[in-house]
Protein backbone atom coordinates (compact mmCIF):
# COMPACT_ATOMS: atom_id res chain seq x y z
CA MET A 1 -203.94 2.79 64.21
CA ARG A 2 -201.71 5.66 63.79
CA THR A 3 -201.00 4.68 60.16
CA LEU A 4 -204.70 4.58 59.53
CA ALA A 5 -205.24 8.18 60.81
CA PRO A 6 -203.79 9.97 57.94
CA LEU A 7 -205.87 7.85 55.40
CA SER A 8 -209.09 8.29 57.18
CA LEU A 9 -208.55 12.01 57.30
CA ALA A 10 -208.01 12.03 53.56
CA LEU A 11 -211.05 10.14 52.92
CA LEU A 12 -213.08 12.54 55.30
CA PHE A 13 -212.06 15.54 52.95
CA LEU A 14 -212.65 13.65 49.93
CA ALA A 15 -216.15 12.65 50.85
CA PRO A 16 -218.73 14.66 48.51
CA LEU A 17 -220.94 17.26 49.82
CA ALA A 18 -224.60 17.06 50.03
CA GLN A 19 -225.97 17.64 46.60
CA ALA A 20 -229.07 18.46 44.86
CA LYS A 21 -229.29 16.96 41.34
CA GLU A 22 -229.96 19.58 38.61
CA TYR A 23 -231.88 18.96 35.39
CA PRO A 24 -230.81 21.34 32.58
CA ILE A 25 -233.57 22.63 30.47
CA GLY A 26 -232.18 22.93 26.85
CA GLU A 27 -229.24 25.16 26.20
CA PRO A 28 -228.34 28.41 27.80
CA GLN A 29 -229.61 31.31 25.72
CA LEU A 30 -228.81 35.03 25.11
CA CYS A 31 -230.17 38.52 26.18
CA PRO A 32 -228.22 41.39 25.48
CA GLY A 33 -225.18 41.12 27.65
CA LEU A 34 -226.55 38.06 29.45
CA GLU A 35 -226.54 34.30 29.12
CA VAL A 36 -229.31 32.58 30.78
CA GLY A 37 -229.47 29.07 31.51
CA ALA A 38 -232.60 27.04 32.89
CA VAL A 39 -232.77 24.19 35.33
CA TYR A 40 -234.90 22.54 37.73
CA LEU A 41 -234.27 20.33 40.79
CA GLN A 42 -236.24 19.08 43.70
CA PRO A 43 -238.09 21.65 45.88
CA ILE A 44 -236.19 23.47 48.13
CA GLU A 45 -236.69 24.96 51.66
CA MET A 46 -236.24 28.86 51.93
CA ALA A 47 -235.52 31.72 54.25
CA PRO A 48 -237.63 33.74 55.12
CA ALA A 49 -240.41 31.41 55.41
CA GLY A 50 -243.23 32.12 53.06
CA MET A 51 -241.28 33.58 50.55
CA MET A 52 -241.89 30.77 48.02
CA ARG A 53 -244.57 27.86 47.52
CA ALA A 54 -243.97 25.22 50.34
CA THR A 55 -241.89 22.27 49.39
CA ALA A 56 -244.91 19.95 50.12
CA ASP A 57 -247.06 21.66 47.70
CA SER A 58 -244.40 21.65 44.89
CA ASP A 59 -242.78 19.40 42.24
CA VAL A 60 -239.77 21.28 41.40
CA HIS A 61 -237.55 24.08 42.08
CA LEU A 62 -237.35 26.04 38.74
CA GLU A 63 -234.23 28.13 38.32
CA ALA A 64 -232.77 30.77 35.75
CA ASP A 65 -229.04 31.07 35.98
CA ILE A 66 -228.15 34.47 34.79
CA ARG A 67 -224.50 35.58 34.06
CA ALA A 68 -222.87 38.39 32.32
CA THR A 69 -221.22 37.75 28.86
CA ALA A 70 -218.14 39.08 27.53
CA ASP A 71 -219.70 41.94 25.51
CA SER A 72 -221.83 43.00 28.55
CA LYS A 73 -221.85 47.11 28.32
CA GLN A 74 -223.29 47.38 32.07
CA GLY A 75 -219.86 47.02 33.85
CA PHE A 76 -220.24 43.25 34.81
CA GLN A 77 -217.35 40.96 34.47
CA GLU A 78 -217.68 38.03 32.19
CA GLY A 79 -219.45 35.16 34.13
CA SER A 80 -220.68 37.23 36.96
CA PHE A 81 -224.07 37.10 38.41
CA VAL A 82 -226.20 40.07 37.40
CA PRO A 83 -228.55 41.13 40.31
CA TYR A 84 -231.77 43.25 40.32
CA LEU A 85 -233.40 41.79 37.13
CA ASN A 86 -236.98 41.25 37.05
CA VAL A 87 -237.65 37.70 35.88
CA SER A 88 -240.83 35.92 35.20
CA PHE A 89 -241.66 32.58 34.00
CA GLN A 90 -244.49 30.89 32.09
CA LEU A 91 -245.13 27.17 31.58
CA LYS A 92 -247.37 25.48 29.27
CA LYS A 93 -247.73 21.56 29.09
CA GLN A 94 -248.52 20.04 25.62
CA GLY A 95 -252.21 19.23 25.31
CA VAL A 96 -253.13 21.20 28.18
CA ASP A 97 -254.83 24.61 28.12
CA THR A 98 -253.77 25.54 31.77
CA GLU A 99 -250.95 28.10 31.90
CA LEU A 100 -248.41 28.34 34.81
CA LYS A 101 -246.81 31.67 35.51
CA GLY A 102 -245.12 33.56 38.15
CA ASP A 103 -242.43 35.96 39.15
CA PHE A 104 -238.84 34.66 40.26
CA HIS A 105 -237.07 35.72 43.55
CA ALA A 106 -233.24 36.48 43.84
CA MET A 107 -231.81 33.75 46.11
CA VAL A 108 -228.50 32.36 46.92
CA ALA A 109 -227.63 28.71 47.33
CA ASN A 110 -224.37 26.93 48.41
CA ASP A 111 -223.27 26.87 44.69
CA GLY A 112 -223.97 30.55 44.17
CA PRO A 113 -226.91 33.28 43.29
CA HIS A 114 -229.64 32.70 41.03
CA TYR A 115 -233.28 33.68 40.28
CA GLY A 116 -235.90 30.94 41.12
CA ASP A 117 -238.96 29.53 42.60
CA ASN A 118 -240.79 26.21 43.64
CA VAL A 119 -243.35 25.20 41.13
CA LYS A 120 -246.49 22.82 41.15
CA LEU A 121 -246.48 21.23 37.65
CA LEU A 122 -249.27 19.49 35.74
CA GLY A 123 -247.94 15.96 35.81
CA PRO A 124 -245.42 14.17 33.58
CA GLY A 125 -245.36 15.48 29.93
CA LYS A 126 -243.63 17.91 27.55
CA TYR A 127 -243.52 21.36 28.73
CA GLN A 128 -242.88 24.99 27.04
CA LEU A 129 -240.93 27.24 29.26
CA THR A 130 -240.76 31.09 28.57
CA PHE A 131 -238.58 33.37 30.64
CA THR A 132 -239.32 37.08 30.54
CA ILE A 133 -236.52 39.27 31.65
CA LEU A 134 -236.75 43.09 32.40
CA PRO A 135 -233.83 45.15 33.35
CA PRO A 136 -233.30 46.73 36.94
CA GLY A 137 -235.41 49.78 37.81
CA GLY A 138 -233.85 52.96 39.33
CA HIS A 139 -234.61 54.07 42.88
CA ALA A 140 -234.20 51.46 45.55
CA SER A 141 -232.78 48.82 42.87
CA LEU A 142 -229.85 49.31 40.77
CA GLY A 143 -228.79 52.85 39.60
CA ARG A 144 -226.58 53.34 36.69
CA HIS A 145 -223.77 55.82 36.09
CA THR A 146 -224.34 57.81 32.91
CA ASP A 147 -221.75 60.48 32.95
CA LYS A 148 -218.86 60.36 30.26
CA GLU A 149 -216.15 59.27 32.49
CA THR A 150 -217.56 56.51 34.62
CA GLY A 151 -220.94 55.73 32.76
CA VAL A 152 -222.15 52.41 31.09
CA ALA A 153 -224.66 51.68 28.46
CA PRO A 154 -228.44 51.62 28.80
CA TRP A 155 -230.20 48.33 29.68
CA PHE A 156 -232.11 46.31 27.07
CA GLU A 157 -235.70 47.08 27.25
CA ARG A 158 -237.24 43.59 27.43
CA CYS A 159 -235.92 39.86 26.66
CA GLU A 160 -237.87 36.81 26.17
CA LEU A 161 -236.51 33.30 26.03
CA HIS A 162 -238.10 30.03 25.14
CA TYR A 163 -237.14 26.49 26.14
CA GLU A 164 -238.55 23.09 26.03
CA PHE A 165 -238.21 19.99 28.47
CA VAL A 166 -239.72 16.58 29.25
CA TYR A 167 -240.70 16.22 33.02
CA ALA A 168 -241.00 12.65 34.09
CA GLY A 169 -240.53 13.24 37.88
CA ILE A 170 -237.29 14.30 40.01
CA GLY A 171 -234.99 11.33 39.73
CA LYS A 172 -236.71 9.46 37.19
CA LYS A 173 -235.84 8.50 33.80
CA VAL A 174 -237.95 9.58 30.92
CA GLY A 175 -239.97 6.73 29.45
CA THR A 176 -238.77 4.03 32.16
CA ASP A 177 -239.35 5.10 35.71
CA HIS A 178 -242.50 7.39 35.58
CA GLY A 179 -244.87 4.62 35.41
CA PRO A 180 -246.41 2.94 32.22
CA THR A 181 -244.32 4.09 29.40
CA ASP A 182 -245.95 7.08 27.43
CA PRO A 183 -244.46 7.11 24.02
CA SER A 184 -245.33 10.64 23.50
CA ILE A 185 -243.01 11.36 26.42
CA ALA A 186 -240.29 9.05 25.67
CA SER A 187 -239.93 10.28 21.96
CA HIS A 188 -239.11 13.92 23.25
CA ALA A 189 -236.48 12.87 25.75
CA PRO A 190 -234.03 15.85 26.11
CA SER A 191 -230.35 15.37 25.56
CA MET A 192 -229.44 17.53 28.50
CA PRO A 193 -225.82 18.25 27.43
CA GLY A 194 -224.94 20.19 30.48
CA ARG A 195 -224.60 23.90 31.28
CA VAL A 196 -221.42 24.95 29.41
CA PRO A 197 -222.18 27.08 26.12
CA ALA A 198 -220.35 25.70 23.22
CA GLY A 199 -217.08 27.58 22.51
CA ARG A 200 -217.38 29.84 25.60
CA PRO A 201 -215.46 27.90 28.55
CA GLY A 202 -215.75 31.13 30.47
CA LEU A 203 -219.44 30.94 31.08
CA ALA A 204 -219.84 27.50 32.91
CA PHE A 205 -223.25 27.18 33.89
CA HIS A 206 -222.55 23.90 36.07
CA ARG A 207 -222.29 25.49 39.49
CA PRO A 208 -219.90 23.56 41.44
CA GLY A 209 -222.16 22.89 44.49
CA ARG A 210 -224.51 20.58 42.69
CA ALA A 211 -224.53 17.47 40.54
CA THR A 212 -225.90 17.92 37.05
CA ASP A 213 -227.87 15.20 35.17
CA LEU A 214 -226.21 14.47 32.00
């Protein structure tokens, strides 16, 4: 029994933590001084209660992972989370006139801070996603030093980023597990290459607390 104890203890520490699988949406994109990755995962519970749509009324938790780039002129280190941004989203499903939109909340999970919200989609299909990002305000938000000795550059005025993805359901493979195969969906299956920008290993958007669907 004693000889088994160290092995059992080692296996305990090697056991993976509970993770929620993330589905990357296209490639991370750039705003001035920012890199923005888009992902979705299963709807999540949130505190304080009522901050977001209830999980029972949602299909996904949509996120914007925003990190500073190496050329950031606002005093942030490369790869660090940038707070106090105003982030909104717009979703349009191909072939449907209805538009989904809303404002993201800043929040923190076991893999770090991000912006996000629970969203009710319009069923399986191809979606166009737009993020609109505005810089922090001043009072009660995030001030900016402007003197010669310690100041940083002004923020960008507005940034709009566009992504495309195919939604077949959480945990389902496009064109196979979402019911009868829809050729229009299967033909647009995303490659989902992960969240590490090519040639920029310092900005890894695969946050270590979650499994990413590749």
